[in-house]
Amino acid sequence: MSAVVDAPVVRTEDGAILGPDWRRAGLARPEYTVPGRIPADGVQPGDTIRVLDMDLVVLKVWRDRPPFAAGIRVLARTVRGAELVFEYAERDMVDVVAVGAFDR
């Protein structure tokens, strides 16, 4: 017997499920409440972030490998299709203006 759980999930652009979205499930610490200004290590694919007055959809988030493990890179797409990579320190703050761009 299987049970279907109706919980928010993080998806890739292709719709693959990466895991639960603990921020939308109410399990996050207050500083990770979305939409809002959150630490860079809380940004996830499907978030819409605002950078330099542009709204960008996050496609991928990854951490640097040692010895540069303090950085977080975010690949995001503009509404016109340009893909940009932003580099943040782990505790840099990012404006998340919407979540769930890849929800189905």
Protein backbone atom coordinates (compact mmCIF):
# COMPACT_ATOMS: atom_id res chain seq x y z
CA MET A 1 0.00 0.00 0.00
CA SER A 2 1.33 3.41 -0.87
CA ALA A 3 0.26 6.78 0.35
CA VAL A 4 0.36 9.98 -1.65
CA VAL A 5 1.62 12.91 0.35
CA ASP A 6 0.50 16.34 -0.76
CA ALA A 7 3.62 18.29 0.17
CA PRO A 8 5.37 21.04 -1.78
CA VAL A 9 8.38 19.75 -3.70
CA VAL A 10 11.36 21.23 -5.51
CA ARG A 11 11.36 20.36 -9.21
CA THR A 12 13.77 20.78 -12.07
CA GLU A 13 12.74 22.57 -15.23
CA ASP A 14 11.88 19.16 -16.72
CA GLY A 15 9.59 18.34 -13.81
CA ALA A 16 11.84 15.85 -12.01
CA ILE A 17 11.36 15.97 -8.24
CA LEU A 18 14.51 16.89 -6.32
CA GLY A 19 12.96 16.61 -2.87
CA PRO A 20 10.57 18.30 -0.47
CA ASP A 21 10.51 22.09 -0.28
CA TRP A 22 10.98 22.46 3.47
CA ARG A 23 10.58 26.24 3.16
CA ARG A 24 6.99 26.02 1.82
CA ALA A 25 6.14 23.10 4.11
CA GLY A 26 6.54 25.31 7.18
CA LEU A 27 9.66 23.48 8.39
CA ALA A 28 12.18 26.26 7.74
CA ARG A 29 13.75 28.61 10.23
CA PRO A 30 12.23 32.12 10.04
CA GLU A 31 15.12 33.54 8.02
CA TYR A 32 14.29 31.08 5.20
CA THR A 33 10.63 32.11 4.78
CA VAL A 34 9.72 32.52 1.10
CA PRO A 35 8.91 34.65 -0.69
CA GLY A 36 11.27 37.06 1.01
CA ARG A 37 14.92 37.89 1.54
CA ILE A 38 16.75 34.67 2.46
CA PRO A 39 20.36 33.46 2.78
CA ALA A 40 21.83 32.25 -0.52
CA ASP A 41 22.12 28.68 0.76
CA GLY A 42 18.29 28.52 0.86
CA VAL A 43 17.72 29.33 -2.83
CA GLN A 44 16.34 26.38 -4.82
CA PRO A 45 15.46 25.59 -8.45
CA GLY A 46 12.11 27.05 -9.40
CA ASP A 47 12.56 30.16 -7.26
CA THR A 48 12.21 33.53 -8.94
CA ILE A 49 14.90 35.86 -7.66
CA ARG A 50 15.29 39.59 -8.18
CA VAL A 51 18.78 40.76 -9.13
CA LEU A 52 19.52 44.26 -10.46
CA ASP A 53 15.79 44.93 -10.95
CA MET A 54 15.41 41.77 -13.08
CA ASP A 55 13.27 38.78 -12.17
CA LEU A 56 15.13 35.55 -12.94
CA VAL A 57 14.00 31.92 -12.63
CA VAL A 58 16.56 29.72 -10.87
CA LEU A 59 17.51 26.65 -12.91
CA LYS A 60 20.31 25.18 -10.80
CA VAL A 61 22.09 25.83 -7.50
CA TRP A 62 25.42 24.30 -6.56
CA ARG A 63 28.28 24.73 -4.10
CA ASP A 64 31.93 25.10 -4.96
CA ARG A 65 34.21 22.17 -4.29
CA PRO A 66 37.00 22.43 -1.72
CA PRO A 67 39.15 24.43 -1.25
CA PHE A 68 36.57 27.00 -2.43
CA ALA A 69 33.62 25.48 -0.58
CA ALA A 70 32.25 28.74 0.81
CA GLY A 71 30.68 29.83 -2.48
CA ILE A 72 27.22 29.12 -3.86
CA ARG A 73 26.52 29.47 -7.55
CA VAL A 74 23.06 30.10 -8.97
CA LEU A 75 22.21 29.55 -12.65
CA ALA A 76 19.15 31.62 -13.56
CA ARG A 77 17.25 32.58 -16.72
CA THR A 78 15.81 35.96 -17.68
CA VAL A 79 12.37 36.32 -19.25
CA ARG A 80 14.10 36.71 -22.62
CA GLY A 81 16.02 33.45 -22.24
CA ALA A 82 19.51 34.63 -21.28
CA GLU A 83 21.15 32.37 -18.70
CA LEU A 84 23.30 34.01 -16.04
CA VAL A 85 25.43 32.60 -13.22
CA PHE A 86 25.63 34.47 -9.93
CA GLU A 87 28.10 33.68 -7.17
CA TYR A 88 27.19 34.27 -3.54
CA ALA A 89 28.82 33.68 -0.20
CA GLU A 90 26.78 31.23 1.88
CA ARG A 91 25.21 33.95 4.03
CA ASP A 92 24.67 36.58 1.33
CA MET A 93 21.01 37.57 1.19
CA VAL A 94 18.96 36.93 -1.96
CA ASP A 95 15.53 38.36 -2.77
CA VAL A 96 13.17 35.49 -3.61
CA VAL A 97 10.02 37.05 -5.07
CA ALA A 98 8.18 33.83 -6.02
CA VAL A 99 8.55 30.07 -5.62
CA GLY A 100 7.41 27.02 -7.54
CA ALA A 101 8.04 28.15 -11.12
CA PHE A 102 8.28 24.49 -12.18
CA ASP A 103 5.30 23.20 -10.15
CA ARG A 104 2.79 21.11 -12.06
